Amino acid sequence: MTSLKSINQDDLRSHNLSVIIDTLLRAPSPMSRANLAKTTGLTKATISLLAGMLLEHGVVRELEPESAQPAYGRPSTPLTIASGSWAGIGLQINTDGYGCMALDLAGQVVASRWVDDDMRQTDADDIFAKLNRVSQAVERKLRQRGYGVVGSGLALPGLVTDDMQLLMARNLGWEHLNLGSYELVQRLDLMPGNEAKMAALAQIPGYATQEQPRSGAGSRALEACELTPTDSFIYISTDIGIGGAVVHKGTVEVGDHGFAGELGHVSVDVNGPACRCGRRGCLETYAGRRALVEAAGIAQGDEAVNPKAVEELYRRWQAGDPKAVDAIDRALDALVSVMASAINLADVGTVMLGGFWANFDGSLTARLQRRLSHQILARDRIHPRVLLPRVADKPALQGAAEVGLRNFIDNPLAYF
């Protein structure tokens, strides 16, 4: 006779706590204990017990009882995610600098610091040492405010393996780094990952922070509010290089080796410009920041990645400069081609355009959407949307902090 396995009560309790936290994070408004029981399928007695634990440990807080008097019993008391107790730390090394952010479950940025720097051909050891010092300053602020740190993520502009290797970050000039050898990574038990995937995580409502109410001022705000926690979308991250991520029903798809979503190296012309990856005609060679500035005749080589050169590109494009307009139009053609291929391949109808392209005029998304609709194979059933990011400023940095917060959400009892 097969022996029965005993149920680990702590594991079951931690799972149920996680379900309650996830439900509150994704809820459009605070929820009563009765609504939580109905939504999660847990009993009212279980909800009452676990809500008490979450209140005691500063994960949730009670709001004023609802004003509408029920037909019988006491008015219900809504619960919402609390600020002030638990934080995740996000770190990022990018082509334009490095920095650190502490984020709590309520979506509040507790502390943040970013160092602008030209990161091309920098020494990795030196940058990791500097980032370590930046992180320590942020950690001191967290301790002063009484926060507990529950996890940390590190966003990098390159290919990161499960065994802590950075295979390449060509726009930094880095290859084959053992990330686990750095003091910063060891001290914080960092979870490194690709910056585009972490930026995509930051766009998922309720992934690790409570969704914040957003004002409806302007078309950009409306466009950026159209995702739900379980939506699927393709995220395109644009900078000097171009990355991407495929999100399926609220989960980032990483592929067998963790490299899924490298849309910047999809070729749109086999006879096109040479790319640093070794191929020709990659999207990055048309729609990357450096490529656009060079094509518009503003600057070449190292000068083409200067932020002022990008500002000049915007100015010339808005003024109708022929070379700037032509460069943008060629880049749009390349973007639409890659978007259509990704939609046809992944069967996902929504594309979010992040990075420096999100700074262009809001009408750009409408132009992309119109062009895209004619290139979808199943155009009679799929009506593509092109959205702007809901988190546009340093999204990978926030996503890295949310990776840290998920440690707590997935196993809260380990921190009580």
Protein backbone atom coordinates (compact mmCIF):
# COMPACT_ATOMS: atom_id res chain seq x y z
CA MET A 1 0.00 0.00 0.00
CA THR A 2 1.39 3.39 -1.01
CA SER A 3 2.07 5.67 1.95
CA LEU A 4 0.20 8.96 2.04
CA LYS A 5 2.21 12.18 1.91
CA SER A 6 1.58 14.59 4.75
CA ILE A 7 0.58 18.15 3.93
CA ASN A 8 3.04 20.81 4.99
CA GLN A 9 0.77 23.31 6.73
CA ASP A 10 3.30 26.14 6.46
CA ASP A 11 3.56 25.65 2.69
CA LEU A 12 -0.22 25.66 2.39
CA ARG A 13 -0.53 28.77 4.54
CA SER A 14 2.18 30.59 2.56
CA HIS A 15 0.44 29.64 -0.68
CA ASN A 16 -2.87 31.04 0.56
CA LEU A 17 -1.19 34.23 1.77
CA SER A 18 0.34 34.58 -1.69
CA VAL A 19 -3.06 34.15 -3.34
CA ILE A 20 -4.53 36.93 -1.17
CA ILE A 21 -1.64 39.33 -1.88
CA ASP A 22 -1.81 38.64 -5.63
CA THR A 23 -5.56 39.21 -5.62
CA LEU A 24 -5.23 42.57 -3.85
CA LEU A 25 -2.39 43.67 -6.14
CA ARG A 26 -4.50 43.01 -9.24
CA ALA A 27 -7.77 44.35 -7.87
CA PRO A 28 -8.95 47.67 -9.34
CA SER A 29 -10.06 48.80 -5.87
CA PRO A 30 -9.76 47.71 -2.19
CA MET A 31 -11.56 44.50 -1.26
CA SER A 32 -13.51 43.38 1.79
CA ARG A 33 -12.78 40.06 3.47
CA ALA A 34 -16.04 38.70 2.06
CA ASN A 35 -15.07 39.71 -1.48
CA LEU A 36 -11.63 38.17 -1.03
CA ALA A 37 -13.23 34.89 0.06
CA LYS A 38 -15.54 34.93 -2.94
CA THR A 39 -12.74 35.79 -5.41
CA THR A 40 -10.09 33.39 -4.09
CA GLY A 41 -12.33 30.47 -3.13
CA LEU A 42 -10.88 30.42 0.39
CA THR A 43 -13.21 30.15 3.35
CA LYS A 44 -14.19 33.25 5.31
CA ALA A 45 -12.51 31.78 8.39
CA THR A 46 -9.26 31.29 6.47
CA ILE A 47 -9.43 34.81 5.03
CA SER A 48 -10.03 36.26 8.49
CA LEU A 49 -7.03 34.40 9.96
CA LEU A 50 -4.65 35.24 7.11
CA ALA A 51 -5.79 38.85 6.85
CA GLY A 52 -4.85 39.21 10.49
CA MET A 53 -1.34 37.96 9.71
CA LEU A 54 -0.98 40.34 6.78
CA LEU A 55 -2.15 43.26 8.92
CA GLU A 56 0.26 42.34 11.70
CA HIS A 57 3.23 42.25 9.33
CA GLY A 58 2.41 45.47 7.49
CA VAL A 59 1.49 43.90 4.16
CA VAL A 60 -2.06 45.24 4.07
CA ARG A 61 -3.98 47.95 5.85
CA GLU A 62 -7.63 48.52 6.63
CA LEU A 63 -9.55 51.45 5.22
CA GLU A 64 -12.58 53.11 6.70
CA PRO A 65 -15.69 50.87 6.72
CA GLU A 66 -17.83 51.23 3.62
CA SER A 67 -20.44 53.92 4.07
CA ALA A 68 -23.30 51.92 2.57
CA GLN A 69 -25.00 50.09 5.47
CA PRO A 70 -25.69 46.41 4.66
CA ALA A 71 -29.11 44.89 5.24
CA TYR A 72 -27.70 42.98 8.21
CA GLY A 73 -24.42 42.82 10.13
CA ARG A 74 -21.64 45.36 10.34
CA PRO A 75 -20.34 47.44 7.42
CA SER A 76 -17.44 45.70 5.65
CA THR A 77 -13.92 47.02 6.10
CA PRO A 78 -11.91 47.13 2.84
CA LEU A 79 -8.32 45.91 2.73
CA THR A 80 -5.60 47.32 0.50
CA ILE A 81 -1.84 46.86 0.07
CA ALA A 82 0.18 48.83 2.61
CA SER A 83 3.28 50.91 2.07
CA GLY A 84 6.17 51.20 4.49
CA SER A 85 7.25 47.64 5.34
CA TRP A 86 8.61 45.56 2.45
CA ALA A 87 10.73 46.61 -0.53
CA GLY A 88 12.48 45.12 -3.53
CA ILE A 89 15.70 46.57 -4.91
CA GLY A 90 16.18 47.01 -8.64
CA LEU A 91 19.56 47.65 -10.23
CA GLN A 92 20.42 48.36 -13.84
CA ILE A 93 23.47 48.82 -16.01
CA ASN A 94 22.60 50.35 -19.37
CA THR A 95 24.29 52.14 -22.23
CA ASP A 96 23.55 55.56 -20.71
CA GLY A 97 24.44 54.88 -17.06
CA TYR A 98 23.68 52.76 -14.03
CA GLY A 99 21.47 53.03 -10.96
CA CYS A 100 19.38 51.58 -8.19
CA MET A 101 15.72 51.81 -7.12
CA ALA A 102 13.88 50.61 -4.02
CA LEU A 103 10.18 49.92 -4.60
CA ASP A 104 7.52 48.76 -2.17
CA LEU A 105 4.41 46.65 -2.66
CA ALA A 106 2.16 49.71 -2.85
CA GLY A 107 4.13 50.92 -5.87
CA GLN A 108 5.92 53.69 -3.98
CA VAL A 109 9.51 54.47 -4.96
CA VAL A 110 11.19 54.57 -1.55
CA ALA A 111 14.64 55.61 -2.79
CA SER A 112 16.32 55.91 -6.15
CA ARG A 113 19.60 57.02 -7.65
CA TRP A 114 20.78 57.08 -11.26
CA VAL A 115 24.25 57.99 -12.53
CA ASP A 116 24.39 59.24 -16.11
CA ASP A 117 27.53 58.01 -17.81
CA ASP A 118 28.89 56.97 -21.19
CA MET A 119 29.08 53.21 -20.71
CA ARG A 120 30.66 52.19 -24.01
CA GLN A 121 33.83 50.14 -23.55
CA THR A 122 33.79 50.55 -19.77
CA ASP A 123 35.50 48.20 -17.35
CA ALA A 124 32.94 45.78 -15.87
CA ASP A 125 34.78 45.41 -12.55
CA ASP A 126 34.81 49.20 -12.10
CA ILE A 127 31.11 49.61 -12.94
CA PHE A 128 30.01 46.81 -10.61
CA ALA A 129 32.05 48.36 -7.78
CA LYS A 130 30.44 51.77 -8.40
CA LEU A 131 26.96 50.23 -8.57
CA ASN A 132 27.64 48.44 -5.29
CA ARG A 133 28.30 51.79 -3.60
CA VAL A 134 25.14 53.30 -5.11
CA SER A 135 23.12 50.34 -3.86
CA GLN A 136 24.54 50.61 -0.35
CA ALA A 137 23.38 54.24 -0.15
CA VAL A 138 19.85 53.19 -1.15
CA GLU A 139 19.93 50.31 1.35
CA ARG A 140 20.83 52.74 4.16
CA LYS A 141 17.73 54.78 3.36
CA LEU A 142 15.61 51.64 3.52
CA ARG A 143 16.99 50.74 6.95
CA GLN A 144 16.39 54.27 8.21
CA ARG A 145 12.74 54.01 7.16
CA GLY A 146 12.27 50.55 8.67
CA TYR A 147 11.85 48.57 5.46
CA GLY A 148 12.69 44.92 5.05
CA VAL A 149 14.43 44.02 1.77
CA VAL A 150 12.86 40.91 0.23
CA GLY A 151 14.86 40.51 -2.98
CA SER A 152 16.81 42.22 -5.74
CA GLY A 153 17.01 42.10 -9.52
CA LEU A 154 19.64 43.31 -11.99
CA ALA A 155 18.75 44.42 -15.53
CA LEU A 156 21.48 44.13 -18.18
CA PRO A 157 21.45 45.00 -21.91
CA GLY A 158 22.51 41.59 -23.16
CA LEU A 159 22.08 37.82 -23.04
CA VAL A 160 21.98 36.45 -19.48
CA THR A 161 21.98 32.72 -18.72
CA ASP A 162 20.39 30.82 -15.84
CA ASP A 163 23.83 30.05 -14.42
CA MET A 164 24.71 33.74 -13.90
CA GLN A 165 26.70 34.31 -17.08
CA LEU A 166 26.47 37.45 -19.20
CA LEU A 167 27.21 36.01 -22.62
CA MET A 168 27.36 39.34 -24.36
CA ALA A 169 26.37 42.97 -24.05
CA ARG A 170 27.88 44.31 -27.24
CA ASN A 171 26.80 47.92 -26.75
CA LEU A 172 28.79 47.89 -23.50
CA GLY A 173 31.70 45.97 -25.00
CA TRP A 174 31.26 43.16 -22.45
CA GLU A 175 31.36 39.42 -23.14
CA HIS A 176 31.47 36.22 -21.07
CA LEU A 177 31.19 37.74 -17.59
CA ASN A 178 30.71 35.49 -14.56
CA LEU A 179 28.14 37.64 -12.75
CA GLY A 180 28.29 35.45 -9.66
CA SER A 181 31.87 36.55 -9.03
CA TYR A 182 30.94 40.15 -8.19
CA GLU A 183 30.56 41.23 -4.57
CA LEU A 184 27.34 43.12 -5.36
CA VAL A 185 25.68 40.03 -6.83
CA GLN A 186 26.79 37.84 -3.93
CA ARG A 187 25.85 40.32 -1.21
CA LEU A 188 22.30 40.93 -2.44
CA ASP A 189 21.77 37.48 -3.98
CA LEU A 190 20.84 39.33 -7.16
CA MET A 191 18.68 37.79 -9.88
CA PRO A 192 20.15 39.10 -13.17
CA GLY A 193 18.20 39.24 -16.40
CA ASN A 194 17.77 40.91 -19.75
CA GLU A 195 16.68 44.56 -19.54
CA ALA A 196 13.89 44.23 -22.14
CA LYS A 197 12.26 41.36 -20.24
CA MET A 198 12.44 43.28 -16.97
CA ALA A 199 11.02 46.39 -18.66
CA ALA A 200 8.14 44.22 -19.91
CA LEU A 201 7.44 43.03 -16.35
CA ALA A 202 7.03 46.65 -15.26
CA GLN A 203 4.21 47.05 -17.81
CA ILE A 204 2.07 44.23 -16.37
CA PRO A 205 -0.53 45.76 -14.02
CA GLY A 206 -0.37 44.20 -10.56
CA TYR A 207 2.64 42.00 -11.31
CA ALA A 208 4.39 42.90 -8.04
CA THR A 209 3.02 46.30 -7.02
CA GLN A 210 -0.49 47.58 -6.55
CA GLU A 211 -1.84 49.19 -9.68
CA GLN A 212 -1.98 52.94 -9.17
CA PRO A 213 -4.93 55.05 -10.37
CA ARG A 214 -3.87 57.05 -13.44
CA SER A 215 -5.15 60.36 -14.68
CA GLY A 216 -6.91 60.38 -18.01
CA ALA A 217 -5.26 63.55 -19.23
CA GLY A 218 -4.06 63.14 -22.78
CA SER A 219 -4.16 60.32 -25.30
CA ARG A 220 -0.88 58.87 -24.00
CA ALA A 221 -2.39 58.26 -20.53
CA LEU A 222 -5.41 56.58 -22.10
CA GLU A 223 -3.32 54.40 -24.40
CA ALA A 224 -1.08 53.30 -21.55
CA CYS A 225 -3.99 52.12 -19.39
CA GLU A 226 -5.35 49.51 -21.78
CA LEU A 227 -3.62 46.41 -20.40
CA THR A 228 -5.04 44.05 -17.80
CA PRO A 229 -2.95 41.77 -15.51
CA THR A 230 -3.53 38.74 -17.76
CA ASP A 231 -3.13 40.35 -21.19
CA SER A 232 -0.65 39.17 -23.79
CA PHE A 233 1.60 41.63 -25.61
CA ILE A 234 4.94 42.06 -27.36
CA TYR A 235 7.25 44.61 -25.76
CA ILE A 236 9.91 46.33 -27.88
CA SER A 237 12.68 48.11 -25.98
CA THR A 238 14.51 50.73 -28.04
CA ASP A 239 17.82 52.44 -27.33
CA ILE A 240 21.20 52.18 -29.08
CA GLY A 241 20.28 48.52 -29.33
CA ILE A 242 16.80 47.05 -29.58
CA GLY A 243 15.48 44.24 -27.40
CA GLY A 244 12.12 42.66 -26.87
CA ALA A 245 9.94 40.34 -24.84
CA VAL A 246 6.83 38.26 -25.46
CA VAL A 247 4.31 38.36 -22.61
CA HIS A 248 1.67 35.60 -22.68
CA LYS A 249 -1.29 36.01 -20.33
CA GLY A 250 0.74 38.07 -17.87
CA THR A 251 3.89 35.91 -17.98
CA VAL A 252 7.12 36.75 -19.81
CA GLU A 253 8.11 33.88 -22.10
CA VAL A 254 11.86 33.27 -21.77
CA GLY A 255 12.38 30.31 -24.12
CA ASP A 256 14.52 27.23 -23.55
CA HIS A 257 17.71 29.20 -22.87
CA GLY A 258 16.30 32.51 -21.60
CA PHE A 259 16.95 34.42 -24.83
CA ALA A 260 13.44 34.67 -26.32
CA GLY A 261 12.31 38.02 -27.69
CA GLU A 262 15.50 39.34 -29.35
CA LEU A 263 13.53 41.32 -31.92
CA GLY A 264 16.33 43.79 -32.57
CA HIS A 265 18.18 41.09 -34.47
CA VAL A 266 15.36 40.06 -36.76
CA SER A 267 16.55 40.90 -40.27
CA VAL A 268 14.29 42.99 -42.50
CA ASP A 269 16.74 43.06 -45.42
CA VAL A 270 19.41 40.41 -45.99
CA ASN A 271 21.34 42.96 -48.08
CA GLY A 272 20.95 45.72 -45.52
CA PRO A 273 23.51 47.39 -43.24
CA ALA A 274 25.92 45.18 -41.29
CA CYS A 275 24.91 44.63 -37.68
CA ARG A 276 27.20 44.05 -34.69
CA CYS A 277 25.64 40.61 -34.27
CA GLY A 278 27.16 39.48 -37.58
CA ARG A 279 23.97 39.57 -39.65
CA ARG A 280 22.77 42.20 -42.12
CA GLY A 281 19.65 44.33 -42.14
CA CYS A 282 18.68 43.79 -38.49
CA LEU A 283 15.95 46.01 -37.05
CA GLU A 284 18.59 47.63 -34.83
CA THR A 285 20.44 48.95 -37.90
CA TYR A 286 17.34 50.93 -38.95
CA ALA A 287 15.47 51.80 -35.76
CA GLY A 288 18.20 51.90 -33.11
CA ARG A 289 19.13 55.29 -31.67
CA ARG A 290 22.63 55.40 -33.20
CA ALA A 291 21.40 54.19 -36.60
CA LEU A 292 18.70 56.87 -36.79
CA VAL A 293 21.01 59.72 -35.87
CA GLU A 294 23.56 58.57 -38.46
CA ALA A 295 20.93 58.09 -41.18
CA ALA A 296 19.59 61.59 -40.55
CA GLY A 297 23.09 63.02 -41.09
CA ILE A 298 23.29 64.53 -37.59
CA ALA A 299 26.39 62.74 -36.29
CA GLN A 300 28.50 59.65 -36.89
CA GLY A 301 30.21 57.03 -34.73
CA ASP A 302 30.56 57.78 -31.03
CA GLU A 303 28.97 61.21 -31.40
CA ALA A 304 25.79 59.59 -32.70
CA VAL A 305 24.90 58.18 -29.27
CA ASN A 306 25.11 61.55 -27.52
CA PRO A 307 21.68 62.43 -26.01
CA LYS A 308 21.89 65.85 -27.64
CA ALA A 309 22.06 64.17 -31.04
CA VAL A 310 18.74 62.43 -30.35
CA GLU A 311 17.17 65.72 -29.29
CA GLU A 312 18.36 67.20 -32.58
CA LEU A 313 16.78 64.26 -34.43
CA TYR A 314 13.41 64.98 -32.79
CA ARG A 315 13.72 68.67 -33.63
CA ARG A 316 14.59 68.08 -37.27
CA TRP A 317 11.86 65.47 -37.68
CA GLN A 318 9.22 67.83 -36.26
CA ALA A 319 10.52 70.61 -38.54
CA GLY A 320 10.14 68.36 -41.59
CA ASP A 321 13.84 68.01 -42.41
CA PRO A 322 13.95 65.61 -45.42
CA LYS A 323 16.82 63.42 -44.16
CA ALA A 324 15.32 63.10 -40.68
CA VAL A 325 11.85 62.34 -42.06
CA ASP A 326 13.30 59.73 -44.44
CA ALA A 327 15.29 58.08 -41.63
CA ILE A 328 12.19 57.89 -39.45
CA ASP A 329 10.03 56.52 -42.28
CA ARG A 330 12.58 53.80 -43.09
CA ALA A 331 12.74 52.90 -39.40
CA LEU A 332 8.94 52.74 -39.22
CA ASP A 333 8.88 50.36 -42.18
CA ALA A 334 11.41 48.13 -40.40
CA LEU A 335 9.48 48.29 -37.11
CA VAL A 336 6.21 47.37 -38.81
CA SER A 337 7.84 44.45 -40.61
CA VAL A 338 9.25 43.02 -37.37
CA MET A 339 6.03 43.68 -35.44
CA ALA A 340 4.00 41.85 -38.08
CA SER A 341 6.41 38.90 -38.09
CA ALA A 342 6.26 38.71 -34.27
CA ILE A 343 2.45 38.83 -34.26
CA ASN A 344 2.22 36.15 -36.97
CA LEU A 345 4.68 33.97 -35.04
CA ALA A 346 3.41 34.43 -31.47
CA ASP A 347 -0.31 35.04 -32.15
CA VAL A 348 -0.32 38.11 -29.90
CA GLY A 349 -2.26 41.15 -31.08
CA THR A 350 -0.81 43.93 -28.93
CA VAL A 351 2.61 45.59 -29.32
CA MET A 352 4.04 48.05 -26.79
CA LEU A 353 6.77 50.37 -28.02
CA GLY A 354 9.13 51.42 -25.22
CA GLY A 355 12.44 53.22 -24.93
CA PHE A 356 13.36 56.36 -26.84
CA TRP A 357 10.75 55.73 -29.58
CA ALA A 358 8.04 56.33 -26.96
CA ASN A 359 9.16 59.98 -26.83
CA PHE A 360 8.02 60.72 -30.37
CA ASP A 361 4.72 62.41 -31.13
CA GLY A 362 1.73 60.39 -29.93
CA SER A 363 0.39 60.11 -33.48
CA LEU A 364 3.27 57.74 -34.22
CA THR A 365 1.48 54.79 -32.62
CA ALA A 366 -1.58 55.40 -34.77
CA ARG A 367 0.61 55.46 -37.91
CA LEU A 368 2.28 52.20 -36.87
CA GLN A 369 -1.07 50.60 -36.13
CA ARG A 370 -2.51 51.54 -39.53
CA ARG A 371 0.52 50.14 -41.37
CA LEU A 372 0.59 47.04 -39.20
CA SER A 373 -3.05 46.11 -39.79
CA HIS A 374 -2.32 45.41 -43.48
CA GLN A 375 0.59 43.04 -42.78
CA ILE A 376 -1.06 40.60 -40.36
CA LEU A 377 -1.80 37.21 -41.86
CA ALA A 378 -5.03 36.74 -39.86
CA ARG A 379 -6.08 40.36 -40.36
CA ASP A 380 -9.76 39.38 -40.38
CA ARG A 381 -9.49 38.10 -36.81
CA ILE A 382 -6.55 39.98 -35.28
CA HIS A 383 -6.87 43.74 -34.94
CA PRO A 384 -3.43 44.84 -33.78
CA ARG A 385 -2.89 47.54 -31.18
CA VAL A 386 0.27 49.60 -30.72
CA LEU A 387 0.50 51.03 -27.21
CA LEU A 388 2.84 53.31 -25.33
CA PRO A 389 4.32 51.96 -22.08
CA ARG A 390 2.50 52.55 -18.81
CA VAL A 391 5.94 52.79 -17.14
CA ALA A 392 8.12 54.84 -19.49
CA ASP A 393 10.86 56.19 -17.20
CA LYS A 394 13.54 53.57 -16.40
CA PRO A 395 11.10 50.62 -16.83
CA ALA A 396 13.84 47.96 -16.60
CA LEU A 397 14.98 49.42 -13.28
CA GLN A 398 11.44 49.16 -11.90
CA GLY A 399 11.03 45.69 -13.38
CA ALA A 400 14.21 44.56 -11.63
CA ALA A 401 12.80 45.80 -8.31
CA GLU A 402 9.56 43.92 -9.03
CA VAL A 403 11.58 40.74 -9.62
CA GLY A 404 12.82 41.20 -6.05
CA LEU A 405 9.31 41.81 -4.70
CA ARG A 406 8.04 38.59 -6.30
CA ASN A 407 10.27 36.69 -3.85
CA PHE A 408 8.04 37.95 -1.07
CA ILE A 409 4.74 37.59 -2.92
CA ASP A 410 5.43 33.97 -3.89
CA ASN A 411 6.47 32.91 -0.37
CA PRO A 412 5.45 35.54 2.20
CA LEU A 413 5.66 33.23 5.23
CA ALA A 414 9.45 32.99 4.75
CA TYR A 415 9.71 36.69 5.73
CA PHE A 416 7.41 36.71 8.78
